[in-house]
Amino acid sequence: MWCPAGFSSGTDIFYDGVLRLPVRDGIRIIAFADDVAVVAVAHNAELIEQLVNPTLEDIVGWMSSNGLRLAPEKSECVVLTKKRSFREPSLHIQGCQVPVKRSVRYLGIRLDTRLSFVEHASTVAAGAKKAAVALARLMPNVGGPSQGKRSLLMSVVHSRLLYGAVIWSERVLETQKSSNLLLQAQRVAALRVARCYRTVSDMATLVLARMPPVTLQAVSRRRTVMAKRTGATPTKCETTVEIVRQWQGLWEATTKAEWTKRLIPDLSRWWYNGPKTVSFHMAQALTGHGCFQKYLWQKKRQNSPECVHCPVANDDAEHTLFYCPEWDAARAELTTALRKAVRPEDVTYLLCGLHPDDLPDDPAQRKRLCAAATTHRQLFCNMVELIMGQKEEMERARQHQQRQDPNPQQ
């Protein structure tokens, strides 16, 4: 049983004597700042009452003799047990009964009856999501801060989500609902960092925002702390490698973000060699959520998924960027540089460069290939910006025309 109590004095040095009070077997007193918790271990409610009530009386007596006052209205308790049915103990402080709650908040962590931390995950996810929404107002998809500054601002969200992760990570991640709550809160932040449409999945958004899933970060923090206790502290590089490795497993297993997975199959390569900034147009190209007739049709913004420039049934990101003849001129410079038509399979190279294993040993040749890869990346970015920019302008003009003449004659 856990019984936190509140003091009206905020100076912990004056009640250090509380921690030195003689206590019965099965009782432990814990204090931090102006919060004191009485922890009792017993098999039933009767034993808890016999242990805790006298201890509470001793604490109240010590405080009264030292000119301090307890705030009974701030006191509450929670029974930590795996039993489905149990009697709640009857505890009293200065004549006031201490309420038994399903969960209590102590030092920022919500402790529930079964120590599942599900309620904690729900609470912090809601708070983090609220913070992300507030910060998002500073980050428009077009213009605004750079991606690095966006990530820095959104670190507030991670701080809230990961507070106390060493304590709760193992139990929370056993419940899929809790994991999803944390990921959805992180997704709100990642959407603005990566300048994505709000319909993009959490997995794709986190990849473009270069944010490892908060669930993996929580486990990593716990593992690091446990390793420190054994003296085998992992380096930051080793920790990052392990997180990216586990992230790759989640990326391969997810059924979401099929188009993004096709373009970015190797997260390690993306993490270490990919672009540090993703523009609004590039985010559309890499997610398939944007100014594409198929996407607009799925969101009921268009009457048909067909391409308006050529007789193709589905105008999606792949068709627009790589196959539609309307944009052959926009692809021409990159096609000339590559000496072949650009295809989806080339995107990993175009954004991340050559794989380290494919680089030659000769320094001069290596430098030449790296310079060519940099040029190709810039040409690909220019191609995406040109196509998506012109496509958006044409789509706005088309929608304006439809509003002016909603029922054109056939």
Protein backbone atom coordinates (compact mmCIF):
# COMPACT_ATOMS: atom_id res chain seq x y z
CA MET A 1 0.00 0.00 0.00
CA TRP A 2 1.21 3.51 -0.88
CA CYS A 3 0.02 6.48 1.15
CA PRO A 4 1.38 9.92 0.08
CA ALA A 5 0.66 12.80 2.45
CA GLY A 6 0.96 16.54 1.90
CA PHE A 7 2.59 19.03 4.25
CA SER A 8 1.69 22.69 4.53
CA SER A 9 5.39 23.54 4.97
CA GLY A 10 7.54 23.49 1.85
CA THR A 11 10.88 23.25 3.68
CA ASP A 12 11.95 19.62 3.80
CA ILE A 13 14.97 20.21 6.05
CA PHE A 14 12.65 20.88 9.02
CA TYR A 15 10.94 17.49 8.85
CA ASP A 16 14.01 15.36 8.20
CA GLY A 17 13.27 13.93 11.63
CA VAL A 18 10.18 12.22 10.15
CA LEU A 19 12.48 9.90 8.22
CA ARG A 20 14.27 9.04 11.46
CA LEU A 21 11.14 8.04 13.36
CA PRO A 22 11.16 4.41 14.59
CA VAL A 23 8.79 2.40 12.40
CA ARG A 24 7.28 -1.07 12.62
CA ASP A 25 8.36 -3.95 10.41
CA GLY A 26 6.74 -3.65 7.00
CA ILE A 27 6.69 0.16 7.07
CA ARG A 28 8.93 2.51 5.14
CA ILE A 29 8.79 6.31 5.03
CA ILE A 30 9.90 8.09 1.84
CA ALA A 31 10.13 11.88 1.46
CA PHE A 32 11.00 14.32 -1.29
CA ALA A 33 10.56 18.12 -1.03
CA ASP A 34 7.23 18.61 0.75
CA ASP A 35 5.77 15.17 -0.10
CA VAL A 36 5.98 12.22 2.26
CA ALA A 37 4.88 8.68 1.42
CA VAL A 38 4.26 5.85 3.87
CA VAL A 39 4.78 2.45 2.23
CA ALA A 40 3.32 -0.57 4.01
CA VAL A 41 3.64 -4.24 3.05
CA ALA A 42 0.97 -6.55 4.43
CA HIS A 43 -1.27 -9.42 3.35
CA ASN A 44 -4.68 -7.84 4.07
CA ALA A 45 -6.45 -4.63 4.99
CA GLU A 46 -6.52 -5.36 8.71
CA LEU A 47 -2.75 -5.65 8.89
CA ILE A 48 -2.35 -2.48 6.84
CA GLU A 49 -4.56 -0.59 9.28
CA GLN A 50 -2.56 -1.91 12.23
CA LEU A 51 0.68 -0.80 10.62
CA VAL A 52 -0.20 2.49 8.95
CA ASN A 53 -2.60 4.22 11.38
CA PRO A 54 -0.12 4.24 14.31
CA THR A 55 2.61 5.44 11.93
CA LEU A 56 0.43 8.30 10.74
CA GLU A 57 -0.24 9.24 14.37
CA ASP A 58 3.51 9.27 15.07
CA ILE A 59 4.09 11.54 12.07
CA VAL A 60 1.32 13.93 13.10
CA GLY A 61 2.66 14.00 16.67
CA TRP A 62 6.21 14.77 15.53
CA MET A 63 5.00 17.55 13.26
CA SER A 64 2.86 19.13 15.95
CA SER A 65 5.76 19.12 18.39
CA ASN A 66 7.94 20.86 15.77
CA GLY A 67 5.45 23.52 14.76
CA LEU A 68 4.53 21.96 11.44
CA ARG A 69 1.05 21.14 10.15
CA LEU A 70 -0.18 18.29 8.00
CA ALA A 71 -2.73 18.86 5.23
CA PRO A 72 -5.16 15.92 5.57
CA GLU A 73 -7.10 17.02 2.48
CA LYS A 74 -4.00 16.40 0.35
CA SER A 75 -3.51 12.88 1.65
CA GLU A 76 -4.59 9.85 -0.34
CA CYS A 77 -3.63 6.21 -0.68
CA VAL A 78 -3.58 3.43 -3.24
CA VAL A 79 -3.47 -0.31 -2.69
CA LEU A 80 -0.85 -2.01 -4.85
CA THR A 81 -2.01 -5.57 -5.42
CA LYS A 82 -2.69 -8.14 -8.11
CA LYS A 83 -5.87 -9.29 -6.39
CA ARG A 84 -9.07 -8.65 -8.31
CA SER A 85 -11.10 -8.26 -5.13
CA PHE A 86 -9.90 -6.79 -1.84
CA ARG A 87 -11.18 -4.71 1.06
CA GLU A 88 -10.01 -1.14 1.16
CA PRO A 89 -8.16 -0.23 4.36
CA SER A 90 -9.62 2.42 6.65
CA LEU A 91 -6.89 4.98 7.37
CA HIS A 92 -7.23 8.24 9.28
CA ILE A 93 -5.20 11.43 9.72
CA GLN A 94 -6.33 13.84 12.43
CA GLY A 95 -9.82 12.40 12.33
CA CYS A 96 -10.09 12.64 8.52
CA GLN A 97 -10.38 9.43 6.54
CA VAL A 98 -7.75 9.00 3.86
CA PRO A 99 -9.48 8.25 0.52
CA VAL A 100 -8.41 5.11 -1.34
CA LYS A 101 -7.88 5.88 -5.02
CA ARG A 102 -7.38 3.69 -8.09
CA SER A 103 -4.21 5.67 -8.73
CA VAL A 104 -2.21 8.44 -7.08
CA ARG A 105 0.31 10.88 -8.47
CA TYR A 106 3.65 10.93 -6.70
CA LEU A 107 6.63 12.90 -8.02
CA GLY A 108 5.02 13.16 -11.45
CA ILE A 109 4.32 9.43 -11.83
CA ARG A 110 0.83 7.98 -11.55
CA LEU A 111 0.86 4.75 -9.55
CA ASP A 112 -2.20 2.58 -10.15
CA THR A 113 -3.39 -0.45 -8.23
CA ARG A 114 -1.75 -3.02 -10.50
CA LEU A 115 1.32 -0.91 -11.30
CA SER A 116 0.46 -1.21 -14.97
CA PHE A 117 1.05 2.55 -15.44
CA VAL A 118 -1.72 2.61 -18.05
CA GLU A 119 -3.30 5.67 -16.46
CA HIS A 120 0.12 7.33 -16.30
CA ALA A 121 0.62 6.75 -20.02
CA SER A 122 -2.84 8.15 -20.76
CA THR A 123 -2.24 11.24 -18.61
CA VAL A 124 1.20 12.13 -19.97
CA ALA A 125 0.12 11.43 -23.55
CA ALA A 126 -2.77 13.88 -23.18
CA GLY A 127 -0.48 16.52 -21.68
CA ALA A 128 2.20 16.02 -24.33
CA LYS A 129 -0.36 16.17 -27.12
CA LYS A 130 -1.71 19.43 -25.74
CA ALA A 131 1.82 20.88 -25.64
CA ALA A 132 2.48 19.70 -29.21
CA VAL A 133 -0.71 21.35 -30.48
CA ALA A 134 0.27 24.63 -28.80
CA LEU A 135 3.79 24.54 -30.25
CA ALA A 136 2.46 23.58 -33.69
CA ARG A 137 1.01 27.08 -34.03
CA LEU A 138 4.58 28.33 -34.36
CA MET A 139 5.36 25.91 -37.18
CA PRO A 140 3.47 26.34 -40.44
CA ASN A 141 4.05 23.68 -43.07
CA VAL A 142 5.26 26.30 -45.53
CA GLY A 143 8.01 28.55 -44.19
CA GLY A 144 8.55 28.90 -40.48
CA PRO A 145 11.47 27.47 -38.46
CA SER A 146 13.96 25.01 -39.91
CA GLN A 147 13.59 21.31 -39.14
CA GLY A 148 16.37 21.49 -36.57
CA LYS A 149 14.60 24.29 -34.71
CA ARG A 150 11.31 22.44 -34.96
CA SER A 151 12.88 19.36 -33.41
CA LEU A 152 14.34 21.46 -30.62
CA LEU A 153 10.98 23.03 -29.83
CA MET A 154 9.23 19.67 -29.92
CA SER A 155 11.78 18.20 -27.48
CA VAL A 156 9.36 19.57 -24.87
CA VAL A 157 6.96 16.84 -25.97
CA HIS A 158 9.58 14.13 -25.57
CA SER A 159 10.52 15.43 -22.13
CA ARG A 160 6.93 15.06 -21.00
CA LEU A 161 6.44 11.66 -22.59
CA LEU A 162 9.68 10.16 -21.27
CA TYR A 163 9.62 11.54 -17.72
CA GLY A 164 10.23 8.63 -15.38
CA ALA A 165 10.57 6.16 -18.28
CA VAL A 166 13.04 4.07 -16.27
CA ILE A 167 10.18 3.29 -13.87
CA TRP A 168 7.27 2.62 -16.18
CA SER A 169 8.64 1.64 -19.60
CA GLU A 170 8.73 -2.12 -19.06
CA ARG A 171 5.12 -2.36 -17.83
CA VAL A 172 3.58 0.24 -20.14
CA LEU A 173 4.92 -1.36 -23.30
CA GLU A 174 3.25 -4.64 -22.36
CA THR A 175 -0.07 -2.94 -23.18
CA GLN A 176 -0.64 -2.04 -26.82
CA LYS A 177 -3.18 0.64 -25.91
CA SER A 178 -0.64 2.52 -23.79
CA SER A 179 2.02 2.29 -26.49
CA ASN A 180 -0.40 3.65 -29.06
CA LEU A 181 -1.34 6.58 -26.82
CA LEU A 182 2.31 7.57 -26.47
CA LEU A 183 2.97 7.19 -30.20
CA GLN A 184 -0.08 9.24 -31.16
CA ALA A 185 1.06 12.09 -28.92
CA GLN A 186 4.53 11.91 -30.49
CA ARG A 187 2.96 11.84 -33.95
CA VAL A 188 1.36 15.25 -33.38
CA ALA A 189 4.83 16.69 -32.81
CA ALA A 190 6.41 14.80 -35.71
CA LEU A 191 3.76 16.03 -38.17
CA ARG A 192 4.95 19.60 -37.72
CA VAL A 193 8.63 18.76 -37.65
CA ALA A 194 8.38 16.91 -40.97
CA ARG A 195 5.76 19.28 -42.48
CA CYS A 196 3.40 16.39 -43.25
CA TYR A 197 -0.33 16.31 -43.87
CA ARG A 198 -2.19 15.33 -40.72
CA THR A 199 -3.44 12.15 -42.42
CA VAL A 200 0.07 10.65 -42.61
CA SER A 201 0.58 7.61 -40.36
CA ASP A 202 2.68 7.75 -37.22
CA MET A 203 5.34 5.40 -38.64
CA ALA A 204 5.94 7.46 -41.79
CA THR A 205 5.85 10.76 -39.92
CA LEU A 206 8.41 9.64 -37.36
CA VAL A 207 10.78 8.50 -40.10
CA LEU A 208 10.62 11.81 -41.98
CA ALA A 209 10.95 13.76 -38.73
CA ARG A 210 13.93 11.61 -37.72
CA MET A 211 12.25 10.83 -34.39
CA PRO A 212 12.68 7.27 -33.09
CA PRO A 213 9.41 5.96 -31.61
CA VAL A 214 9.01 7.10 -28.02
CA THR A 215 8.46 3.49 -26.97
CA LEU A 216 11.95 2.56 -28.14
CA GLN A 217 13.44 5.62 -26.46
CA ALA A 218 11.78 4.67 -23.17
CA VAL A 219 13.18 1.14 -23.30
CA SER A 220 16.60 2.48 -24.21
CA ARG A 221 16.64 4.80 -21.19
CA ARG A 222 15.78 1.96 -18.87
CA ARG A 223 18.38 -0.31 -20.44
CA THR A 224 21.05 2.39 -20.07
CA VAL A 225 20.28 2.91 -16.38
CA MET A 226 20.32 -0.83 -15.73
CA ALA A 227 23.66 -1.12 -17.54
CA LYS A 228 25.15 1.69 -15.44
CA ARG A 229 24.37 -0.26 -12.30
CA THR A 230 26.50 -3.11 -13.59
CA GLY A 231 29.31 -0.79 -14.65
CA ALA A 232 28.85 -1.51 -18.37
CA THR A 233 27.62 1.91 -19.50
CA PRO A 234 26.89 1.98 -23.27
CA THR A 235 28.14 4.92 -25.29
CA LYS A 236 25.71 7.30 -26.99
CA CYS A 237 26.72 5.85 -30.35
CA GLU A 238 26.01 2.29 -29.21
CA THR A 239 22.64 3.37 -27.82
CA THR A 240 21.71 5.05 -31.12
CA VAL A 241 22.74 2.02 -33.17
CA GLU A 242 20.54 -0.24 -31.02
CA ILE A 243 17.54 2.11 -31.25
CA VAL A 244 17.84 2.34 -35.04
CA ARG A 245 18.17 -1.46 -35.26
CA GLN A 246 14.96 -1.97 -33.28
CA TRP A 247 13.26 0.81 -35.23
CA GLN A 248 14.13 -1.02 -38.45
CA GLY A 249 12.31 -4.09 -37.12
CA LEU A 250 9.18 -2.05 -36.42
CA TRP A 251 9.47 -0.39 -39.84
CA GLU A 252 9.61 -3.71 -41.64
CA ALA A 253 6.74 -5.17 -39.61
CA THR A 254 4.29 -2.27 -39.93
CA THR A 255 1.47 -2.46 -42.44
CA LYS A 256 1.34 1.35 -42.65
CA ALA A 257 3.25 3.71 -44.90
CA GLU A 258 3.74 1.28 -47.79
CA TRP A 259 4.84 4.02 -50.22
CA THR A 260 7.30 5.54 -47.74
CA LYS A 261 8.70 2.08 -46.93
CA ARG A 262 9.26 1.47 -50.62
CA LEU A 263 11.23 4.70 -50.98
CA ILE A 264 13.10 4.43 -47.66
CA PRO A 265 13.57 0.73 -46.87
CA ASP A 266 16.79 1.13 -44.84
CA LEU A 267 16.36 3.35 -41.77
CA SER A 268 20.01 3.12 -40.81
CA ARG A 269 21.02 4.60 -44.13
CA TRP A 270 18.32 7.28 -43.83
CA TRP A 271 19.33 8.12 -40.24
CA TYR A 272 23.05 8.55 -40.92
CA ASN A 273 23.09 9.75 -44.54
CA GLY A 274 19.63 11.09 -45.33
CA PRO A 275 18.71 14.78 -45.63
CA LYS A 276 18.50 16.69 -42.37
CA THR A 277 15.55 18.72 -43.64
CA VAL A 278 12.39 17.64 -45.45
CA SER A 279 10.43 20.35 -47.26
CA PHE A 280 6.64 20.50 -47.49
CA HIS A 281 6.71 19.31 -51.11
CA MET A 282 9.24 16.56 -50.38
CA ALA A 283 7.04 15.34 -47.51
CA GLN A 284 4.15 15.00 -49.97
CA ALA A 285 6.35 13.09 -52.40
CA LEU A 286 7.65 10.68 -49.74
CA THR A 287 4.30 9.98 -48.11
CA GLY A 288 1.89 10.10 -51.05
CA HIS A 289 -0.36 12.42 -49.05
CA GLY A 290 -0.64 15.66 -50.95
CA CYS A 291 -1.69 17.21 -54.23
CA PHE A 292 -2.43 13.95 -56.04
CA GLN A 293 -5.79 13.19 -57.61
CA LYS A 294 -6.04 9.77 -55.98
CA TYR A 295 -5.39 11.19 -52.51
CA LEU A 296 -7.79 14.10 -53.05
CA TRP A 297 -10.42 11.67 -54.33
CA GLN A 298 -10.00 9.45 -51.25
CA LYS A 299 -10.52 12.53 -49.06
CA LYS A 300 -13.59 13.48 -51.14
CA ARG A 301 -11.93 16.59 -52.53
CA GLN A 302 -12.10 15.37 -56.14
CA ASN A 303 -14.66 13.43 -58.15
CA SER A 304 -12.17 11.04 -59.71
CA PRO A 305 -8.71 9.58 -58.99
CA GLU A 306 -7.77 9.83 -62.68
CA CYS A 307 -4.82 11.90 -63.82
CA VAL A 308 -5.92 15.18 -65.42
CA HIS A 309 -2.90 15.22 -67.75
CA CYS A 310 -2.90 11.71 -69.21
CA PRO A 311 -5.23 8.67 -69.46
CA VAL A 312 -4.12 6.93 -66.25
CA ALA A 313 -6.68 5.60 -63.75
CA ASN A 314 -4.80 6.56 -60.58
CA ASP A 315 -2.81 9.75 -60.19
CA ASP A 316 -0.70 9.00 -57.12
CA ALA A 317 2.77 10.10 -56.04
CA GLU A 318 4.50 7.40 -58.10
CA HIS A 319 2.70 8.34 -61.30
CA THR A 320 3.15 12.09 -60.84
CA LEU A 321 6.84 12.05 -59.96
CA PHE A 322 8.14 9.28 -62.19
CA TYR A 323 5.81 8.50 -65.08
CA CYS A 324 3.36 11.27 -66.02
CA PRO A 325 4.47 12.75 -69.40
CA GLU A 326 3.27 16.19 -68.29
CA TRP A 327 6.38 16.45 -66.09
CA ASP A 328 8.98 15.02 -68.46
CA ALA A 329 10.63 18.43 -68.75
CA ALA A 330 10.94 18.71 -64.96
CA ARG A 331 12.64 15.30 -64.88
CA ALA A 332 14.92 15.96 -67.84
CA GLU A 333 17.94 17.39 -66.02
CA LEU A 334 18.01 14.57 -63.45
CA THR A 335 17.46 11.97 -66.17
CA THR A 336 20.44 13.35 -68.08
CA ALA A 337 22.65 13.33 -64.99
CA LEU A 338 21.69 9.74 -64.10
CA ARG A 339 21.83 8.65 -67.77
CA LYS A 340 18.57 6.79 -67.27
CA ALA A 341 14.96 7.44 -66.34
CA VAL A 342 14.51 8.12 -62.64
CA ARG A 343 12.41 5.49 -60.82
CA PRO A 344 11.15 4.96 -57.23
CA GLU A 345 13.98 2.49 -56.60
CA ASP A 346 16.49 5.32 -57.12
CA VAL A 347 15.13 7.47 -54.28
CA THR A 348 17.26 5.85 -51.58
CA TYR A 349 20.41 6.71 -53.53
CA LEU A 350 19.14 10.15 -54.48
CA LEU A 351 18.43 11.10 -50.86
CA CYS A 352 21.07 9.10 -48.97
CA GLY A 353 23.89 8.72 -51.46
CA LEU A 354 25.87 5.57 -52.11
CA HIS A 355 25.95 2.85 -49.51
CA PRO A 356 29.28 2.94 -47.62
CA ASP A 357 30.02 -0.60 -48.77
CA ASP A 358 29.69 0.49 -52.40
CA LEU A 359 32.31 3.25 -52.15
CA PRO A 360 35.73 2.44 -53.66
CA ASP A 361 38.94 2.51 -51.62
CA ASP A 362 40.61 5.04 -53.91
CA PRO A 363 40.17 8.51 -52.26
CA ALA A 364 39.94 10.41 -55.54
CA GLN A 365 37.31 8.11 -56.98
CA ARG A 366 35.41 8.10 -53.69
CA LYS A 367 35.38 11.90 -53.63
CA ARG A 368 34.15 12.05 -57.23
CA LEU A 369 31.28 9.62 -56.55
CA CYS A 370 30.25 11.46 -53.38
CA ALA A 371 30.24 14.77 -55.29
CA ALA A 372 28.09 13.21 -58.01
CA ALA A 373 25.67 11.86 -55.37
CA THR A 374 25.38 15.34 -53.84
CA THR A 375 24.59 16.81 -57.25
CA HIS A 376 22.00 14.11 -57.92
CA ARG A 377 20.34 14.78 -54.55
CA GLN A 378 20.02 18.47 -55.32
CA LEU A 379 18.62 17.75 -58.79
CA PHE A 380 16.06 15.36 -57.31
CA CYS A 381 15.00 17.94 -54.71
CA ASN A 382 14.68 20.55 -57.45
CA MET A 383 12.60 18.13 -59.51
CA VAL A 384 10.20 17.45 -56.64
CA GLU A 385 9.84 21.15 -55.81
CA LEU A 386 9.18 22.05 -59.45
CA ILE A 387 6.62 19.30 -60.07
CA MET A 388 4.74 19.69 -56.80
CA GLY A 389 4.82 23.49 -56.95
CA GLN A 390 3.36 23.64 -60.45
CA LYS A 391 0.91 20.86 -59.69
CA GLU A 392 -0.42 22.75 -56.65
CA GLU A 393 -0.85 25.94 -58.68
CA MET A 394 -2.74 24.06 -61.39
CA GLU A 395 -4.91 22.32 -58.79
CA ARG A 396 -5.79 25.62 -57.10
CA ALA A 397 -6.73 27.12 -60.48
CA ARG A 398 -8.84 24.05 -61.30
CA GLN A 399 -10.68 24.16 -57.97
CA HIS A 400 -11.25 27.90 -58.39
CA GLN A 401 -12.77 27.24 -61.82
CA GLN A 402 -14.99 24.53 -60.36
CA ARG A 403 -16.27 26.94 -57.71
CA GLN A 404 -17.00 29.54 -60.40
CA ASP A 405 -18.77 27.03 -62.64
CA PRO A 406 -19.84 24.01 -60.50
CA ASN A 407 -21.95 22.49 -63.29
CA PRO A 408 -20.01 22.89 -66.54
CA GLN A 409 -21.74 21.78 -69.69
CA GLN A 410 -20.50 18.50 -71.06
